[in-house]
Amino acid sequence: MSNPDVRFRRTPRGEVGRARRLARAGCAVTCLAATGLLAAACGTTAPTASASSPPAGFKPGVLTRKYAGETITVLGPPWMAMPKSQLAKFTAATGIKVDLTTIAWDSIHPKIVSSEAAGVAPADITNIDWSWVGQFAKTDWYIPLNNWEPKSLIAGSPVSSIFNVDGKQLGIPYYIDFRGMLVNMTDLHKAGIANPPATWAQLESDAELLKAKGIVSYPVGVPLSVTEGTSTPWYLLTLNSGGSVLTASDQPAFSGSTSNAGEKALAFEVSLYKKGLIPPGEVDLTDVQTTDLFEAGTVAFLLSEGPGGLAGIKNPSVSKVAKDQIRFVPDPTAEAGITSKTFGLPGVLAITKQATDKPACALFIYWWDQLPQEIVQYENPNMGSLPPESAGLSYLAQKGMLVDSPDVLAMLPKVGSLFSTGAPEWYPQFSTDLASEIQAAVEGTVSPEAAMSTLAAKTRALAKAANAA
């Protein structure tokens, strides 16, 4: 059962972050339901006209009225609800009208797949999530944007490479999200602890001290239900034990003769749970509910959170720890000497191959990623997303608008892709299988070694089935 004292409220910006995390938690069911359609749609015939190169005279990154009078359609999630007053500025500068439609995040993937299966463009521009890269890269639905956008725009975001498959840039990031650990330093200071833990052993000993002193009964927040939010902390722990999740050929890299990184990560979670350092109710909680525990002061550590969540946590109207010193830091490593890693979970704007006004679309994507729009995207209560560009984040930090900016900016160079070749098309099932094994292990029905062995077998089967399709 969840903590009855937790209140599921957010500031408007926090509500956007909550919605985004809830959407990811439901991704597995939605994306799996569309798998059959995806397989069918991959066989549809794409337009015959070449779309890999811009037309003569097109200049990437130059707003012009050459395409005035055209109308482009854009499809995205609720946090893409750019105000009409701001969209009007794009129209004023270019003469291009924008028809922007936002729908529930977990409806976008099936909308794209079903539209393409029917030979209809879902929109000229759509959102693509990081977890769809493996699926969509195998289709012919989107044009590579390497030559449509300035190279500086692509290079300016630390998460662009996540959407680069075989040298083709599938889309341009429009927000950034990555994972680290949130620490309530006020709680740690009460226990005489000066710095955030850098290793698993330090995290465990700090948590034990907080518990022993009665400062926090269950210091470590980590979701353990069968949701994607349970998979994410394990990814971080696996990376930070010196391992990886999948090989370049989508085979398990977390378990087997050459690696036990996944087993070590899971064994650490099991140890924390058995020692009473993780709330026992976590086996029923999502990552959203776990963040609520942090806001309520019930836990002092969140093993996996994004920097965007800081805004809601520091709002005194909804958070009991708003006045505490909260830091966003790299996840601890299995032992000293290992470099802490993180990974991005961003989204991009991509141009469908069926779009009739591709130059206008390219100008719009470039315009969206300029500083004025990035500021609106961050400040607007219906959007609340962090800029995808390092320059935009630095600007927010300089203006004092980015919570815990020194730690957030310091982590940017560490942000990479969780999967070297993009999330595989069977990622939703993998995430569900992983969460199931994690929950079984912490509840004691299987050992960490057995759980990882089972997951590895299922992973190999998923990869084999995908290759045979």
Protein backbone atom coordinates (compact mmCIF):
# COMPACT_ATOMS: atom_id res chain seq x y z
CA MET A 1 0.00 0.00 0.00
CA SER A 2 1.19 3.55 -0.69
CA ASN A 3 1.83 5.98 2.14
CA PRO A 4 -1.57 7.54 3.03
CA ASP A 5 0.16 10.77 4.03
CA VAL A 6 1.54 11.33 0.54
CA ARG A 7 -0.40 13.93 -1.39
CA PHE A 8 -0.33 13.52 -5.12
CA ARG A 9 -0.11 17.18 -6.05
CA ARG A 10 2.25 19.16 -8.17
CA THR A 11 2.94 22.71 -9.23
CA PRO A 12 1.96 23.22 -12.87
CA ARG A 13 5.55 22.56 -13.98
CA GLY A 14 5.80 19.62 -11.60
CA GLU A 15 2.55 18.27 -13.01
CA VAL A 16 4.13 18.18 -16.46
CA GLY A 17 7.03 16.15 -15.09
CA ARG A 18 4.60 13.86 -13.31
CA ALA A 19 2.62 13.33 -16.51
CA ARG A 20 5.80 12.57 -18.43
CA ARG A 21 6.90 9.95 -15.88
CA LEU A 22 3.41 8.42 -15.74
CA ALA A 23 3.39 8.21 -19.52
CA ARG A 24 6.70 6.36 -19.53
CA ALA A 25 5.37 3.97 -16.89
CA GLY A 26 2.52 3.04 -19.23
CA CYS A 27 4.70 2.91 -22.32
CA ALA A 28 5.24 -0.84 -22.24
CA VAL A 29 1.56 -1.70 -22.60
CA THR A 30 0.87 0.92 -25.25
CA CYS A 31 3.94 0.26 -27.36
CA LEU A 32 3.51 -3.50 -27.19
CA ALA A 33 -0.07 -3.14 -28.38
CA ALA A 34 1.23 -1.34 -31.46
CA THR A 35 3.93 -3.89 -32.30
CA GLY A 36 1.76 -5.79 -34.75
CA LEU A 37 0.82 -2.59 -36.53
CA LEU A 38 4.47 -1.56 -36.64
CA ALA A 39 5.47 -4.81 -38.33
CA ALA A 40 2.76 -4.30 -40.91
CA ALA A 41 3.54 -0.63 -41.43
CA CYS A 42 7.22 -1.31 -42.06
CA GLY A 43 6.20 -2.98 -45.25
CA THR A 44 4.29 0.00 -46.63
CA THR A 45 5.63 1.83 -49.64
CA ALA A 46 7.29 5.15 -48.90
CA PRO A 47 7.06 8.16 -51.22
CA THR A 48 9.36 7.83 -54.22
CA ALA A 49 10.69 11.39 -54.12
CA SER A 50 14.09 11.75 -52.54
CA ALA A 51 13.91 13.52 -49.18
CA SER A 52 17.42 13.10 -47.82
CA SER A 53 18.69 16.42 -49.17
CA PRO A 54 17.16 19.91 -49.06
CA PRO A 55 16.11 21.61 -52.31
CA ALA A 56 18.43 24.06 -54.07
CA GLY A 57 18.58 27.39 -52.31
CA PHE A 58 17.55 26.10 -48.89
CA LYS A 59 19.84 27.35 -46.12
CA PRO A 60 19.69 25.45 -42.79
CA GLY A 61 19.16 27.73 -39.81
CA VAL A 62 18.14 30.81 -41.79
CA LEU A 63 14.61 32.01 -41.14
CA THR A 64 13.22 33.28 -44.42
CA ARG A 65 9.86 34.21 -45.92
CA LYS A 66 10.59 32.11 -49.00
CA TYR A 67 8.00 29.57 -47.85
CA ALA A 68 5.36 32.08 -46.70
CA GLY A 69 1.79 30.91 -47.11
CA GLU A 70 2.50 27.27 -46.32
CA THR A 71 0.92 25.48 -43.34
CA ILE A 72 2.67 22.71 -41.43
CA THR A 73 1.13 20.25 -38.99
CA VAL A 74 2.84 19.27 -35.75
CA LEU A 75 1.93 16.41 -33.39
CA GLY A 76 3.31 16.11 -29.87
CA PRO A 77 2.60 15.42 -26.19
CA PRO A 78 1.02 17.91 -23.75
CA TRP A 79 4.39 19.43 -22.82
CA MET A 80 4.74 20.60 -26.44
CA ALA A 81 1.84 23.03 -26.02
CA MET A 82 3.74 26.11 -27.20
CA PRO A 83 1.49 29.15 -26.63
CA LYS A 84 -0.27 30.48 -29.71
CA SER A 85 1.21 33.90 -29.03
CA GLN A 86 4.70 32.41 -29.40
CA LEU A 87 3.80 30.41 -32.51
CA ALA A 88 2.51 33.67 -33.99
CA LYS A 89 6.06 35.02 -33.79
CA PHE A 90 7.27 32.20 -36.03
CA THR A 91 4.50 32.99 -38.50
CA ALA A 92 5.38 36.68 -38.39
CA ALA A 93 9.03 35.92 -39.15
CA THR A 94 8.47 33.35 -41.89
CA GLY A 95 4.88 33.58 -43.10
CA ILE A 96 4.51 29.87 -42.29
CA LYS A 97 1.41 28.89 -40.35
CA VAL A 98 1.57 26.14 -37.71
CA ASP A 99 -1.22 23.71 -36.85
CA LEU A 100 -0.02 22.24 -33.55
CA THR A 101 -1.93 19.32 -32.00
CA THR A 102 -1.08 17.82 -28.62
CA ILE A 103 -2.43 14.48 -27.41
CA ALA A 104 -1.64 12.14 -24.54
CA TRP A 105 1.95 10.93 -24.74
CA ASP A 106 1.03 7.26 -24.75
CA SER A 107 -1.32 7.88 -27.70
CA ILE A 108 1.39 9.28 -30.00
CA HIS A 109 3.21 6.03 -30.75
CA PRO A 110 0.08 4.11 -31.82
CA LYS A 111 -1.14 7.19 -33.74
CA ILE A 112 2.08 7.30 -35.77
CA VAL A 113 2.14 3.56 -36.36
CA SER A 114 -1.53 3.25 -37.38
CA SER A 115 -1.31 6.29 -39.66
CA GLU A 116 1.78 4.99 -41.44
CA ALA A 117 0.19 1.54 -41.74
CA ALA A 118 -2.67 3.22 -43.58
CA GLY A 119 -0.28 5.21 -45.78
CA VAL A 120 -1.25 8.51 -44.16
CA ALA A 121 1.17 10.94 -42.55
CA PRO A 122 0.35 11.39 -38.83
CA ALA A 123 1.63 14.98 -39.19
CA ASP A 124 4.43 16.82 -40.96
CA ILE A 125 6.42 16.92 -37.70
CA THR A 126 6.02 14.50 -34.80
CA ASN A 127 7.61 13.85 -31.46
CA ILE A 128 9.82 10.76 -31.26
CA ASP A 129 10.75 9.40 -27.84
CA TRP A 130 14.18 7.93 -27.11
CA SER A 131 12.63 4.52 -26.52
CA TRP A 132 11.17 4.40 -30.05
CA VAL A 133 14.48 4.86 -31.87
CA GLY A 134 15.08 1.18 -32.51
CA GLN A 135 11.61 0.76 -33.95
CA PHE A 136 11.43 3.87 -36.12
CA ALA A 137 15.00 3.70 -37.42
CA LYS A 138 14.03 0.50 -39.24
CA THR A 139 11.18 2.22 -41.06
CA ASP A 140 11.28 4.70 -43.92
CA TRP A 141 8.92 7.12 -42.23
CA TYR A 142 11.24 10.03 -41.36
CA ILE A 143 13.89 11.94 -43.25
CA PRO A 144 17.44 12.20 -41.86
CA LEU A 145 17.98 15.78 -40.70
CA ASN A 146 21.78 15.88 -41.07
CA ASN A 147 21.58 18.30 -44.01
CA TRP A 148 18.36 20.03 -43.03
CA GLU A 149 19.56 21.59 -39.77
CA PRO A 150 22.80 23.44 -38.90
CA LYS A 151 25.53 21.13 -37.66
CA SER A 152 25.94 23.48 -34.68
CA LEU A 153 22.34 22.82 -33.64
CA ILE A 154 22.86 19.06 -33.70
CA ALA A 155 26.19 19.27 -31.90
CA GLY A 156 24.84 21.75 -29.35
CA SER A 157 22.75 19.15 -27.55
CA PRO A 158 24.46 16.44 -25.49
CA VAL A 159 21.64 14.01 -26.30
CA SER A 160 21.53 14.35 -30.10
CA SER A 161 23.60 11.22 -30.57
CA ILE A 162 20.85 9.09 -29.02
CA PHE A 163 18.85 9.70 -32.21
CA ASN A 164 21.71 9.14 -34.63
CA VAL A 165 21.47 5.66 -36.15
CA ASP A 166 23.95 4.57 -38.80
CA GLY A 167 24.96 8.19 -39.29
CA LYS A 168 21.40 9.38 -39.87
CA GLN A 169 20.01 12.01 -37.49
CA LEU A 170 16.42 10.88 -36.92
CA GLY A 171 15.35 14.06 -35.12
CA ILE A 172 16.44 17.16 -33.21
CA PRO A 173 16.05 17.19 -29.38
CA TYR A 174 13.52 19.70 -28.10
CA TYR A 175 13.94 18.91 -24.40
CA ILE A 176 16.51 17.14 -22.27
CA ASP A 177 16.05 14.63 -19.50
CA PHE A 178 18.64 12.46 -17.82
CA ARG A 179 19.02 10.56 -14.59
CA GLY A 180 20.95 11.11 -11.39
CA MET A 181 20.35 10.88 -7.64
CA LEU A 182 18.49 13.39 -5.50
CA VAL A 183 19.85 13.85 -1.99
CA ASN A 184 18.31 15.73 0.92
CA MET A 185 21.49 17.22 2.34
CA THR A 186 19.59 18.74 5.27
CA ASP A 187 18.84 15.22 6.51
CA LEU A 188 22.44 14.18 5.97
CA HIS A 189 23.77 17.19 7.88
CA LYS A 190 21.56 16.29 10.85
CA ALA A 191 23.39 12.96 10.94
CA GLY A 192 26.78 14.64 10.68
CA ILE A 193 27.31 13.63 7.03
CA ALA A 194 28.97 16.38 4.99
CA ASN A 195 28.81 15.11 1.41
CA PRO A 196 26.58 12.98 -0.83
CA PRO A 197 27.67 9.32 -1.01
CA ALA A 198 30.00 8.51 -3.90
CA THR A 199 29.92 4.71 -3.62
CA TRP A 200 27.32 2.06 -2.87
CA ALA A 201 28.98 1.28 0.44
CA GLN A 202 28.82 4.95 1.44
CA LEU A 203 25.16 5.17 0.43
CA GLU A 204 24.34 2.11 2.50
CA SER A 205 26.25 3.31 5.57
CA ASP A 206 24.74 6.82 5.29
CA ALA A 207 21.25 5.33 5.05
CA GLU A 208 21.89 3.11 8.06
CA LEU A 209 23.04 6.12 10.07
CA LEU A 210 19.96 8.16 9.12
CA LYS A 211 17.78 5.24 10.16
CA ALA A 212 19.65 4.61 13.41
CA LYS A 213 19.39 8.26 14.44
CA GLY A 214 15.67 8.33 13.69
CA ILE A 215 16.02 11.07 11.09
CA VAL A 216 14.42 9.00 8.29
CA SER A 217 12.94 5.57 8.88
CA TYR A 218 13.39 4.31 5.33
CA PRO A 219 16.05 6.55 3.72
CA VAL A 220 16.33 5.19 0.16
CA GLY A 221 13.57 5.72 -2.38
CA VAL A 222 13.55 3.30 -5.32
CA PRO A 223 10.38 2.03 -7.05
CA LEU A 224 9.99 -1.75 -7.13
CA SER A 225 6.64 -2.25 -8.87
CA VAL A 226 6.33 -3.79 -12.34
CA THR A 227 6.68 -0.47 -14.18
CA GLU A 228 9.39 1.17 -16.27
CA GLY A 229 10.26 3.40 -13.33
CA THR A 230 11.62 0.30 -11.60
CA SER A 231 13.91 -0.48 -14.52
CA THR A 232 15.57 2.95 -14.60
CA PRO A 233 17.41 2.79 -11.24
CA TRP A 234 18.73 -0.65 -12.20
CA TYR A 235 20.07 0.77 -15.46
CA LEU A 236 21.99 3.41 -13.51
CA LEU A 237 23.35 0.91 -11.00
CA THR A 238 24.41 -1.43 -13.79
CA LEU A 239 26.24 1.34 -15.65
CA ASN A 240 27.84 2.51 -12.42
CA SER A 241 29.21 -0.92 -11.62
CA GLY A 242 31.26 -0.63 -14.80
CA GLY A 243 28.85 -2.64 -16.94
CA SER A 244 26.30 -2.07 -19.69
CA VAL A 245 22.82 -3.31 -20.50
CA LEU A 246 22.95 -4.57 -24.10
CA THR A 247 25.72 -5.21 -26.61
CA ALA A 248 25.81 -3.54 -30.02
CA SER A 249 24.00 -6.60 -31.37
CA ASP A 250 21.27 -6.29 -28.71
CA GLN A 251 22.46 -9.27 -26.68
CA PRO A 252 22.47 -9.19 -22.86
CA ALA A 253 25.61 -7.53 -21.52
CA PHE A 254 24.44 -7.52 -17.92
CA SER A 255 24.82 -11.22 -17.18
CA GLY A 256 26.80 -14.21 -18.34
CA SER A 257 30.36 -15.41 -18.60
CA THR A 258 31.83 -11.97 -19.24
CA SER A 259 29.73 -9.78 -16.94
CA ASN A 260 27.73 -9.87 -13.74
CA ALA A 261 27.07 -6.12 -13.62
CA GLY A 262 23.31 -6.59 -13.66
CA GLU A 263 23.47 -9.15 -10.88
CA LYS A 264 25.62 -6.82 -8.75
CA ALA A 265 23.15 -3.98 -9.31
CA LEU A 266 20.17 -6.12 -8.35
CA ALA A 267 21.97 -7.62 -5.35
CA PHE A 268 22.60 -4.10 -4.06
CA GLU A 269 18.92 -3.22 -4.34
CA VAL A 270 17.98 -6.46 -2.58
CA SER A 271 20.46 -5.69 0.22
CA LEU A 272 18.99 -2.22 0.75
CA TYR A 273 15.48 -3.68 0.86
CA LYS A 274 16.31 -6.54 3.24
CA LYS A 275 18.07 -4.16 5.62
CA GLY A 276 14.95 -2.01 5.86
CA LEU A 277 16.54 0.96 4.10
CA ILE A 278 13.90 1.03 1.34
CA PRO A 279 10.24 1.53 2.33
CA PRO A 280 8.55 -1.89 2.24
CA GLY A 281 5.61 -0.43 0.29
CA GLU A 282 7.91 0.33 -2.66
CA VAL A 283 6.99 -3.03 -4.22
CA ASP A 284 3.64 -1.40 -5.05
CA LEU A 285 4.84 2.11 -5.92
CA THR A 286 5.73 3.80 -9.21
CA ASP A 287 8.54 6.30 -9.68
CA VAL A 288 5.99 9.14 -9.43
CA GLN A 289 4.82 7.90 -6.03
CA THR A 290 8.43 7.46 -4.95
CA THR A 291 9.11 11.09 -5.80
CA ASP A 292 6.11 11.95 -3.63
CA LEU A 293 7.82 10.13 -0.75
CA PHE A 294 10.86 12.37 -1.23
CA GLU A 295 8.70 15.51 -1.27
CA ALA A 296 6.99 14.31 1.91
CA GLY A 297 10.35 13.87 3.65
CA THR A 298 9.81 10.13 3.96
CA VAL A 299 13.03 9.27 2.09
CA ALA A 300 16.33 11.16 1.85
CA PHE A 301 17.68 9.61 -1.36
CA LEU A 302 16.06 9.10 -4.76
CA LEU A 303 18.21 6.71 -6.79
CA SER A 304 16.81 7.82 -10.14
CA GLU A 305 15.36 11.23 -10.92
CA GLY A 306 15.76 13.91 -13.56
CA PRO A 307 16.79 17.54 -12.98
CA GLY A 308 13.37 18.74 -14.13
CA GLY A 309 11.83 17.29 -10.98
CA LEU A 310 13.71 19.80 -8.84
CA ALA A 311 11.27 22.59 -9.66
CA GLY A 312 8.34 20.83 -8.01
CA ILE A 313 10.40 19.57 -5.07
CA LYS A 314 11.55 23.10 -4.26
CA ASN A 315 8.01 24.54 -4.33
CA PRO A 316 6.81 25.04 -0.72
CA SER A 317 3.13 24.82 -1.67
CA VAL A 318 3.44 21.12 -2.48
CA SER A 319 6.70 19.93 -0.92
CA LYS A 320 7.55 19.53 2.75
CA VAL A 321 11.27 19.60 1.92
CA ALA A 322 11.18 22.75 -0.23
CA LYS A 323 13.34 24.66 2.24
CA ASP A 324 15.84 21.83 2.66
CA GLN A 325 19.10 21.72 0.78
CA ILE A 326 18.44 19.37 -2.14
CA ARG A 327 21.17 18.30 -4.53
CA PHE A 328 21.05 16.51 -7.87
CA VAL A 329 24.23 14.44 -8.11
CA PRO A 330 25.63 11.50 -10.08
CA ASP A 331 24.52 8.09 -8.88
CA PRO A 332 27.10 6.40 -6.62
CA THR A 333 29.37 3.78 -8.13
CA ALA A 334 29.90 0.19 -7.04
CA GLU A 335 33.34 1.11 -5.76
CA ALA A 336 35.83 3.96 -5.80
CA GLY A 337 37.66 4.46 -9.07
CA ILE A 338 34.66 3.84 -11.34
CA THR A 339 33.47 6.90 -13.26
CA SER A 340 29.81 7.58 -12.64
CA LYS A 341 27.62 7.52 -15.76
CA THR A 342 24.15 8.65 -16.69
CA PHE A 343 21.93 8.42 -19.74
CA GLY A 344 19.41 10.59 -21.52
CA LEU A 345 15.67 10.11 -21.92
CA PRO A 346 14.90 12.97 -24.32
CA GLY A 347 12.45 13.53 -27.13
CA VAL A 348 13.03 14.96 -30.60
CA LEU A 349 11.11 16.71 -33.34
CA ALA A 350 11.27 14.74 -36.57
CA ILE A 351 9.99 15.34 -40.11
CA THR A 352 7.90 12.63 -41.71
CA LYS A 353 8.85 11.56 -45.21
CA GLN A 354 5.31 12.29 -46.38
CA ALA A 355 5.48 15.93 -45.29
CA THR A 356 4.85 18.17 -48.30
CA ASP A 357 6.54 21.28 -46.88
CA LYS A 358 9.84 19.89 -45.59
CA PRO A 359 11.80 23.17 -45.80
CA ALA A 360 9.12 24.90 -43.73
CA CYS A 361 9.26 22.03 -41.23
CA ALA A 362 13.03 22.30 -40.94
CA LEU A 363 12.78 26.04 -40.25
CA PHE A 364 10.20 25.40 -37.55
CA ILE A 365 12.39 22.85 -35.76
CA TYR A 366 15.33 25.26 -35.89
CA TRP A 367 13.14 28.07 -34.54
CA TRP A 368 11.82 25.89 -31.70
CA ASP A 369 15.34 25.23 -30.43
CA GLN A 370 16.33 28.89 -30.22
CA LEU A 371 16.74 30.52 -26.81
CA PRO A 372 13.46 32.55 -26.72
CA GLN A 373 11.41 29.40 -27.29
CA GLU A 374 13.54 27.36 -24.88
CA ILE A 375 12.84 29.90 -22.14
CA VAL A 376 9.11 29.81 -22.86
CA GLN A 377 9.21 26.01 -22.87
CA TYR A 378 10.87 26.00 -19.45
CA GLU A 379 8.79 28.73 -17.79
CA ASN A 380 5.36 27.99 -19.26
CA PRO A 381 3.32 25.99 -16.71
CA ASN A 382 1.84 23.80 -19.45
CA MET A 383 5.26 22.81 -20.77
CA GLY A 384 7.99 22.89 -18.11
CA SER A 385 10.77 21.16 -20.06
CA LEU A 386 14.50 21.79 -19.77
CA PRO A 387 16.26 23.16 -22.88
CA PRO A 388 18.03 20.46 -24.89
CA GLU A 389 20.94 22.76 -25.72
CA SER A 390 23.88 23.26 -23.37
CA ALA A 391 23.75 26.99 -24.15
CA GLY A 392 20.10 27.20 -23.07
CA LEU A 393 20.78 25.42 -19.81
CA SER A 394 23.77 27.67 -19.14
CA TYR A 395 21.61 30.73 -19.72
CA LEU A 396 19.02 29.54 -17.20
CA ALA A 397 21.81 28.91 -14.71
CA GLN A 398 23.28 32.38 -15.20
CA LYS A 399 19.87 33.93 -14.59
CA GLY A 400 19.34 31.89 -11.42
CA MET A 401 16.38 30.05 -12.96
CA LEU A 402 17.85 26.52 -12.91
CA VAL A 403 17.58 24.75 -9.55
CA ASP A 404 20.92 23.34 -8.34
CA SER A 405 22.52 24.56 -11.56
CA PRO A 406 26.19 23.74 -10.66
CA ASP A 407 25.42 20.05 -10.17
CA VAL A 408 23.09 19.87 -13.19
CA LEU A 409 25.59 21.50 -15.55
CA ALA A 410 28.43 19.38 -14.22
CA MET A 411 26.53 16.24 -15.20
CA LEU A 412 25.81 17.29 -18.80
CA PRO A 413 29.09 15.94 -20.21
CA LYS A 414 28.26 12.54 -18.72
CA VAL A 415 24.93 12.20 -20.54
CA GLY A 416 24.99 9.46 -23.15
CA SER A 417 22.81 6.82 -24.74
CA LEU A 418 21.70 3.83 -22.70
CA PHE A 419 21.85 1.66 -25.84
CA SER A 420 24.70 2.12 -28.31
CA THR A 421 22.48 1.45 -31.34
CA GLY A 422 19.25 2.89 -29.96
CA ALA A 423 16.55 1.24 -27.91
CA PRO A 424 15.60 -2.05 -29.63
CA GLU A 425 12.11 -2.41 -31.03
CA TRP A 426 11.31 -4.90 -28.26
CA TYR A 427 12.40 -2.51 -25.50
CA PRO A 428 8.91 -2.26 -23.89
CA GLN A 429 8.80 -6.03 -23.28
CA PHE A 430 12.38 -6.02 -22.03
CA SER A 431 11.56 -3.26 -19.54
CA THR A 432 8.53 -5.17 -18.28
CA ASP A 433 10.49 -8.42 -17.93
CA LEU A 434 13.24 -6.58 -16.07
CA ALA A 435 10.87 -4.93 -13.61
CA SER A 436 9.21 -8.28 -12.95
CA GLU A 437 12.55 -9.93 -12.13
CA ILE A 438 13.60 -7.02 -9.89
CA GLN A 439 10.39 -7.24 -7.90
CA ALA A 440 10.67 -11.02 -7.56
CA ALA A 441 14.25 -10.71 -6.29
CA VAL A 442 13.54 -8.06 -3.64
CA GLU A 443 10.56 -10.08 -2.44
CA GLY A 444 12.85 -13.10 -2.10
CA THR A 445 11.13 -15.48 -4.52
CA VAL A 446 14.28 -15.70 -6.69
CA SER A 447 17.94 -14.90 -6.18
CA PRO A 448 19.55 -11.96 -8.04
CA GLU A 449 21.64 -14.46 -10.00
CA ALA A 450 18.58 -16.47 -11.06
CA ALA A 451 16.64 -13.31 -11.90
CA MET A 452 19.38 -12.05 -14.20
CA SER A 453 19.81 -15.46 -15.79
CA THR A 454 16.09 -15.58 -16.58
CA LEU A 455 16.16 -12.03 -17.93
CA ALA A 456 19.15 -12.82 -20.13
CA ALA A 457 17.34 -15.82 -21.64
CA LYS A 458 14.24 -13.73 -22.32
CA THR A 459 16.39 -10.99 -23.86
CA ARG A 460 18.08 -13.40 -26.23
CA ALA A 461 14.67 -14.75 -27.24
CA LEU A 462 13.35 -11.23 -27.93
CA ALA A 463 16.39 -10.39 -30.07
CA LYS A 464 16.14 -13.67 -31.97
CA ALA A 465 12.45 -13.16 -32.69
CA ALA A 466 13.08 -9.62 -33.93
CA ASN A 467 15.87 -10.79 -36.23
CA ALA A 468 13.69 -13.51 -37.65
CA ALA A 469 10.77 -11.18 -38.35
